Protein backbone atom coordinates (compact mmCIF):
# COMPACT_ATOMS: atom_id res chain seq x y z
CA UNK A 1 63.88 -28.60 22.10
CA UNK A 2 61.76 -31.40 20.66
CA UNK A 3 58.70 -29.13 20.55
CA UNK A 4 60.68 -26.49 18.67
CA UNK A 5 61.91 -29.08 16.16
CA UNK A 6 58.36 -30.32 15.55
CA UNK A 7 57.14 -26.77 15.04
CA UNK A 8 59.92 -26.04 12.52
CA UNK A 9 59.19 -29.24 10.64
CA UNK A 10 55.51 -28.29 10.51
CA UNK A 11 56.45 -24.93 9.03
CA UNK A 12 58.71 -26.65 6.50
CA UNK A 13 55.88 -29.01 5.51
CA UNK A 14 53.53 -26.09 4.99
CA UNK A 15 56.14 -24.31 2.87
CA UNK A 16 56.56 -27.42 0.76
CA UNK A 17 52.81 -27.61 0.17
CA UNK A 18 52.66 -23.92 -0.78
CA UNK A 19 55.65 -24.29 -3.09
CA UNK A 20 54.01 -27.31 -4.74
CA UNK A 21 50.80 -25.35 -5.34
CA UNK A 22 52.65 -22.30 -6.67
CA UNK A 23 55.10 -24.39 -8.68
CA UNK A 24 58.16 -22.80 -7.06
CA UNK A 25 61.29 -24.31 -5.62
CA UNK A 26 62.81 -22.03 -2.90
CA UNK A 27 66.27 -22.31 -1.37
CA UNK A 28 67.56 -25.35 0.51
CA UNK A 29 66.30 -25.47 4.07
CA UNK A 30 68.70 -26.35 6.83
CA UNK A 31 67.95 -29.37 8.94
CA UNK A 32 66.06 -28.40 12.09
CA UNK A 33 67.94 -28.78 15.33
CA UNK A 34 67.12 -32.08 16.94
CA UNK A 35 64.97 -33.22 14.02
CA UNK A 36 66.77 -36.53 13.78
CA UNK A 37 65.78 -37.40 17.35
CA UNK A 38 62.12 -36.63 16.64
CA UNK A 39 61.75 -38.36 13.30
CA UNK A 40 64.36 -40.71 11.87
CA UNK A 41 63.13 -40.06 8.33
CA UNK A 42 63.95 -36.34 8.52
CA UNK A 43 67.58 -36.06 7.40
CA UNK A 44 69.49 -33.36 5.52
CA UNK A 45 69.48 -35.60 2.43
CA UNK A 46 65.73 -35.93 1.94
CA UNK A 47 64.65 -32.39 2.78
CA UNK A 48 62.76 -30.61 0.01
CA UNK A 49 64.72 -27.89 -1.75
CA UNK A 50 62.55 -24.80 -1.60
CA UNK A 51 63.28 -21.33 -2.87
CA UNK A 52 61.06 -18.32 -3.27
CA UNK A 53 61.59 -17.19 -6.81
CA UNK A 54 62.77 -18.92 -9.94
CA UNK A 55 62.06 -22.53 -10.67
CA UNK A 56 65.06 -24.84 -10.77
CA UNK A 57 63.89 -27.32 -13.40
CA UNK A 58 65.59 -29.48 -16.02
CA UNK A 59 66.01 -27.98 -19.50
CA UNK A 60 63.42 -30.32 -21.04
CA UNK A 61 60.75 -28.78 -18.80
CA UNK A 62 60.64 -25.71 -21.04
CA UNK A 63 59.59 -25.21 -24.63
CA UNK A 64 62.43 -23.37 -26.36
CA UNK A 65 61.20 -21.02 -29.07
CA UNK A 66 64.56 -20.72 -30.81
CA UNK A 67 64.77 -16.96 -30.15
CA UNK A 68 67.69 -16.65 -27.76
CA UNK A 69 66.62 -13.31 -26.31
CA UNK A 70 63.08 -14.43 -25.50
CA UNK A 71 64.17 -17.80 -24.11
CA UNK A 72 66.74 -16.13 -21.87
CA UNK A 73 64.20 -13.63 -20.55
CA UNK A 74 61.80 -16.51 -19.79
CA UNK A 75 64.55 -18.52 -18.04
CA UNK A 76 64.62 -21.25 -20.69
CA UNK A 77 61.35 -20.77 -22.58
CA UNK A 78 57.69 -21.47 -21.97
CA UNK A 79 56.93 -24.12 -19.34
CA UNK A 80 55.58 -27.28 -20.91
CA UNK A 81 53.45 -28.48 -18.01
CA UNK A 82 51.70 -25.23 -17.16
CA UNK A 83 49.10 -22.69 -18.20
CA UNK A 84 50.44 -19.92 -20.45
CA UNK A 85 48.55 -16.79 -21.51
CA UNK A 86 48.77 -15.20 -24.94
CA UNK A 87 47.02 -11.83 -25.18
CA UNK A 88 45.90 -9.79 -28.14
CA UNK A 89 45.21 -6.17 -27.29
CA UNK A 90 42.57 -5.75 -30.02
CA UNK A 91 40.32 -7.98 -32.07
CA UNK A 92 42.43 -7.32 -35.17
CA UNK A 93 45.30 -9.13 -33.42
CA UNK A 94 43.36 -12.41 -33.34
CA UNK A 95 45.17 -13.65 -36.44
CA UNK A 96 48.58 -12.92 -34.93
CA UNK A 97 47.63 -14.61 -31.66
CA UNK A 98 46.34 -17.69 -33.49
CA UNK A 99 49.43 -17.82 -35.70
CA UNK A 100 51.74 -17.61 -32.69
CA UNK A 101 49.80 -20.37 -30.93
CA UNK A 102 50.05 -22.60 -34.01
CA UNK A 103 53.79 -21.93 -34.10
CA UNK A 104 54.07 -23.14 -30.51
CA UNK A 105 52.03 -26.22 -31.39
CA UNK A 106 54.40 -26.89 -34.27
CA UNK A 107 57.35 -26.78 -31.87
CA UNK A 108 55.58 -29.15 -29.48
CA UNK A 109 54.78 -31.68 -32.20
CA UNK A 110 58.32 -31.39 -33.53
CA UNK A 111 59.82 -32.36 -30.18
CA UNK A 112 57.26 -34.90 -28.99
CA UNK A 113 54.96 -37.62 -30.29
CA UNK A 114 52.45 -36.69 -33.01
CA UNK A 115 49.43 -36.43 -30.72
CA UNK A 116 46.35 -34.34 -31.57
CA UNK A 117 45.78 -30.83 -30.24
CA UNK A 118 42.39 -29.65 -29.00
CA UNK A 119 41.32 -26.05 -29.73
CA UNK A 120 38.36 -24.92 -27.59
CA UNK A 121 36.32 -21.80 -28.17
CA UNK A 122 32.82 -20.41 -28.09
CA UNK A 123 30.60 -19.82 -31.07
CA UNK A 124 31.26 -16.09 -30.75
CA UNK A 125 35.00 -16.66 -31.01
CA UNK A 126 34.91 -18.78 -34.14
CA UNK A 127 32.32 -16.52 -35.75
CA UNK A 128 34.49 -13.44 -35.17
CA UNK A 129 37.99 -14.82 -35.87
CA UNK A 130 37.21 -17.89 -37.97
CA UNK A 131 39.08 -21.18 -38.17
CA UNK A 132 42.66 -21.80 -39.30
CA UNK A 133 43.09 -22.62 -42.99
CA UNK A 134 43.59 -26.38 -43.32
CA UNK A 135 46.04 -26.26 -46.23
CA UNK A 136 48.07 -23.56 -44.53
CA UNK A 137 48.57 -25.73 -41.44
CA UNK A 138 50.86 -28.11 -43.28
CA UNK A 139 52.51 -25.51 -45.50
CA UNK A 140 53.49 -23.06 -42.75
CA UNK A 141 53.57 -25.12 -39.55
CA UNK A 142 53.97 -28.75 -40.59
CA UNK A 143 50.70 -29.64 -38.83
CA UNK A 144 48.40 -32.16 -40.46
CA UNK A 145 44.73 -31.09 -40.49
CA UNK A 146 43.65 -34.24 -38.65
CA UNK A 147 46.00 -33.36 -35.76
CA UNK A 148 44.03 -30.19 -34.91
CA UNK A 149 40.66 -30.82 -33.27
CA UNK A 150 38.08 -28.10 -32.57
CA UNK A 151 35.42 -27.92 -29.87
CA UNK A 152 32.81 -25.19 -30.27
CA UNK A 153 31.05 -24.59 -26.96
CA UNK A 154 27.79 -22.65 -26.69
CA UNK A 155 29.03 -20.52 -23.77
CA UNK A 156 31.99 -19.72 -21.57
CA UNK A 157 31.05 -22.15 -18.79
CA UNK A 158 30.88 -25.01 -21.27
CA UNK A 159 34.24 -24.01 -22.78
CA UNK A 160 35.85 -23.95 -19.32
CA UNK A 161 34.42 -27.36 -18.49
CA UNK A 162 35.74 -28.86 -21.73
CA UNK A 163 39.15 -27.26 -21.15
CA UNK A 164 39.40 -28.62 -17.60
CA UNK A 165 38.49 -32.12 -18.72
CA UNK A 166 40.86 -31.98 -21.69
CA UNK A 167 43.75 -30.58 -19.63
CA UNK A 168 43.99 -33.80 -17.62
CA UNK A 169 44.21 -36.02 -20.71
CA UNK A 170 47.66 -37.30 -21.65
CA UNK A 171 46.39 -38.35 -25.09
CA UNK A 172 46.57 -34.71 -26.22
CA UNK A 173 49.78 -32.88 -27.08
CA UNK A 174 48.35 -29.52 -25.96
CA UNK A 175 45.08 -27.74 -25.19
CA UNK A 176 44.16 -24.30 -26.50
CA UNK A 177 41.37 -22.27 -24.89
CA UNK A 178 40.38 -19.10 -26.73
CA UNK A 179 38.39 -16.47 -24.82
CA UNK A 180 37.15 -13.04 -25.88
CA UNK A 181 37.30 -10.06 -23.53
CA UNK A 182 37.68 -10.26 -19.75
CA UNK A 183 34.77 -12.34 -18.42
CA UNK A 184 34.27 -12.63 -14.68
CA UNK A 185 34.03 -16.41 -14.88
CA UNK A 186 37.68 -16.55 -15.97
CA UNK A 187 38.98 -15.67 -12.51
CA UNK A 188 41.92 -16.81 -10.42
CA UNK A 189 40.10 -19.95 -9.29
CA UNK A 190 39.31 -21.13 -12.82
CA UNK A 191 42.83 -20.53 -14.08
CA UNK A 192 44.30 -22.22 -11.01
CA UNK A 193 42.35 -25.38 -11.85
CA UNK A 194 43.60 -25.29 -15.44
CA UNK A 195 47.18 -24.75 -14.29
CA UNK A 196 47.01 -27.58 -11.73
CA UNK A 197 45.62 -30.07 -14.25
CA UNK A 198 48.22 -29.08 -16.81
CA UNK A 199 50.94 -29.76 -14.22
CA UNK A 200 49.50 -33.15 -13.31
CA UNK A 201 49.17 -34.23 -16.95
CA UNK A 202 52.52 -32.80 -17.98
CA UNK A 203 50.96 -31.04 -20.98
CA UNK A 204 50.77 -27.32 -21.86
CA UNK A 205 47.53 -25.37 -21.85
CA UNK A 206 47.47 -22.11 -23.83
CA UNK A 207 44.93 -19.45 -22.93
CA UNK A 208 44.32 -17.14 -25.89
CA UNK A 209 42.71 -13.83 -25.03
CA UNK A 210 41.11 -11.65 -27.69
CA UNK A 211 40.87 -7.98 -26.74
CA UNK A 212 41.27 -8.82 -23.06
CA UNK A 213 42.82 -6.81 -20.28
CA UNK A 214 45.61 -8.41 -18.22
CA UNK A 215 44.12 -9.75 -14.99
CA UNK A 216 45.50 -11.82 -12.11
CA UNK A 217 45.65 -15.48 -13.12
CA UNK A 218 47.56 -18.59 -12.09
CA UNK A 219 49.52 -18.69 -15.34
CA UNK A 220 53.25 -18.16 -14.70
CA UNK A 221 53.80 -16.60 -18.16
CA UNK A 222 51.80 -13.97 -20.01
CA UNK A 223 52.80 -12.83 -23.51
CA UNK A 224 51.23 -9.87 -25.32
CA UNK A 225 51.09 -10.42 -29.08
CA UNK A 226 50.62 -8.19 -32.09
CA UNK A 227 51.47 -8.45 -35.76
CA UNK A 228 54.82 -7.01 -36.89
CA UNK A 229 55.59 -5.76 -40.41
CA UNK A 230 57.06 -8.54 -42.51
CA UNK A 231 60.46 -7.93 -44.03
CA UNK A 232 61.11 -8.29 -47.75
CA UNK A 233 61.75 -11.74 -49.10
CA UNK A 234 65.43 -12.63 -49.14
CA UNK A 235 66.94 -13.79 -52.43
CA UNK A 236 70.47 -14.48 -53.64
CA UNK A 237 70.69 -10.94 -54.99
CA UNK A 238 69.38 -9.46 -51.75
CA UNK A 239 65.95 -8.33 -50.49
CA UNK A 240 63.24 -8.40 -53.15
CA UNK A 241 61.54 -5.01 -53.12
CA UNK A 242 57.76 -5.07 -52.84
CA UNK A 243 57.60 -8.70 -51.66
CA UNK A 244 56.26 -10.15 -48.39
CA UNK A 245 58.63 -12.26 -46.34
CA UNK A 246 58.13 -14.47 -43.32
CA UNK A 247 55.34 -13.96 -40.76
CA UNK A 248 56.51 -11.69 -37.95
CA UNK A 249 55.24 -11.12 -34.41
CA UNK A 250 55.87 -8.48 -31.78
CA UNK A 251 56.09 -10.28 -28.44
CA UNK A 252 56.04 -8.39 -25.14
CA UNK A 253 56.51 -10.12 -21.80
CA UNK A 254 53.68 -9.06 -19.51
CA UNK A 255 54.36 -11.63 -16.79
CA UNK A 256 57.05 -14.24 -16.20
CA UNK A 257 58.81 -16.14 -13.47
CA UNK A 258 61.92 -14.01 -13.91
CA UNK A 259 60.00 -10.70 -13.79
CA UNK A 260 62.20 -9.44 -16.62
CA UNK A 261 60.44 -7.12 -19.08
CA UNK A 262 61.22 -7.27 -22.74
CA UNK A 263 59.88 -6.81 -26.25
CA UNK A 264 61.04 -8.90 -29.18
CA UNK A 265 60.28 -9.17 -32.88
CA UNK A 266 60.17 -12.80 -33.96
CA UNK A 267 59.99 -14.22 -37.46
CA UNK A 268 58.57 -17.67 -38.07
CA UNK A 269 60.65 -19.84 -40.39
CA UNK A 270 58.11 -22.05 -42.20
CA UNK A 271 60.84 -24.33 -43.57
CA UNK A 272 62.71 -25.08 -40.35
CA UNK A 273 59.62 -24.61 -38.12
CA UNK A 274 61.42 -22.41 -35.61
CA UNK A 275 61.38 -18.79 -34.48
CA UNK A 276 64.18 -16.43 -35.42
CA UNK A 277 64.69 -13.13 -33.67
CA UNK A 278 64.85 -10.23 -36.10
CA UNK A 279 68.09 -8.30 -35.93
CA UNK A 280 68.38 -4.54 -36.21
CA UNK A 281 69.64 -2.77 -39.30
CA UNK A 282 72.95 -1.89 -37.64
CA UNK A 283 73.62 -5.54 -36.75
CA UNK A 284 72.61 -6.61 -40.26
CA UNK A 285 75.19 -4.20 -41.67
CA UNK A 286 77.89 -5.57 -39.34
CA UNK A 287 77.02 -9.22 -39.93
CA UNK A 288 75.62 -9.50 -43.45
CA UNK A 289 74.32 -12.80 -44.73
CA UNK A 290 76.85 -14.39 -47.13
CA UNK A 291 75.53 -14.60 -50.67
CA UNK A 292 77.80 -17.49 -51.72
CA UNK A 293 78.29 -20.38 -49.33
CA UNK A 294 81.68 -21.96 -48.71
CA UNK A 295 82.59 -24.91 -50.97
CA UNK A 296 82.33 -28.36 -49.45
CA UNK A 297 85.62 -29.76 -50.76
CA UNK A 298 87.75 -26.63 -50.78
CA UNK A 299 89.25 -24.69 -47.91
CA UNK A 300 88.90 -21.21 -49.28
CA UNK A 301 85.49 -19.58 -49.80
CA UNK A 302 84.45 -18.00 -53.06
CA UNK A 303 86.50 -14.88 -53.88
CA UNK A 304 84.94 -11.53 -53.16
CA UNK A 305 83.60 -9.48 -56.01
CA UNK A 306 86.08 -7.04 -57.57
CA UNK A 307 85.87 -3.31 -57.94
CA UNK A 308 83.05 -1.79 -59.97
CA UNK A 309 84.30 -0.16 -63.14
CA UNK A 310 82.55 2.66 -64.98
CA UNK A 311 82.56 2.23 -68.73
CA UNK A 312 82.71 5.33 -70.97
CA UNK A 313 79.56 6.37 -72.74
CA UNK A 314 79.13 5.07 -76.27
CA UNK A 315 79.90 7.81 -78.78
CA UNK A 316 77.44 8.63 -81.53
CA UNK A 317 78.24 6.96 -84.88
CA UNK A 318 80.10 8.88 -87.56
CA UNK A 319 78.15 10.20 -90.57
CA UNK A 320 79.69 7.54 -92.83
CA UNK A 321 78.51 4.74 -90.53
CA UNK A 322 74.81 5.55 -90.94
CA UNK A 323 72.79 2.79 -92.70
CA UNK A 324 71.62 3.33 -96.24
CA UNK A 325 67.97 4.25 -96.90
CA UNK A 326 67.34 0.74 -98.23
CA UNK A 327 68.68 -0.87 -95.05
CA UNK A 328 67.01 1.72 -92.88
CA UNK A 329 63.59 0.43 -93.91
CA UNK A 330 64.28 -2.94 -92.26
CA UNK A 331 64.67 -1.18 -88.90
CA UNK A 332 61.19 0.35 -89.21
CA UNK A 333 59.25 -2.90 -89.29
CA UNK A 334 56.56 -3.15 -86.61
CA UNK A 335 57.51 -5.10 -83.52
CA UNK A 336 55.47 -7.98 -82.11
CA UNK A 337 53.08 -6.78 -79.48
CA UNK A 338 53.14 -8.46 -76.11
């Protein structure tokens, strides 16, 4: 009996180690029979709770995007202390991928201390996609230019080394590693090291992929990004035709802990610094945005607009109401140009 209890406890210890490496928390394990007689420290109260599947973590362990549908599909949002992948199917999606990453950085800085963020890339990456516009960082994302640091590495191995060293630093709010294509060096082993160091430091690491194919990695979340058509700018009188509204992204879940597929269209609110999920036209018609807000001191909102009345057409003037030739000359003066 004692040998069986020791064997079960050994299996439980191995499962705990595997769960720690994978970042999972499987179901509660029952106390092994006779375990108390073998080891006094092994009691039902201090056994590790392990479950194969979803992570049971506190709400502050996830970065909520503000889009209820996406956060629900990701079981609370993006994990803060983990490696997350953001893919762009083509090179033309590099701007959308970078904008989405900056939006996530804005959410991180909004919730935590104003620490700097390190953006790592190769010379090929920055030559192809360029750098973020400094004045636009503050205007759209509320990020000060001095909070965003860049590291241009000569090659992929150097970029991976910088990312691994930066991922363990708690003096950074987040680390961004931008890679082009699907290089062989970016394999499961390299991403597992990045994910483990992000977990130990308690900081997120974002892996941006330009024109890369989805491959097996240690990242628990993979999002596929592309630019979405921006809606018209909203005014008091309604949508302004021909105008460009908020930045929009099409987000598809390629991999997640919940294994729930989904595609969402998110709009970035540059004033509130939060994502808003775009609603369909049918839902907009059912729940229109009120044009006039409710008064602060009164109980009743502003009255609704009345019925539209059609006025009769203006009749042509009678022959006796025509102006005289002398007065008619004043109507023929040239108008001011412009």
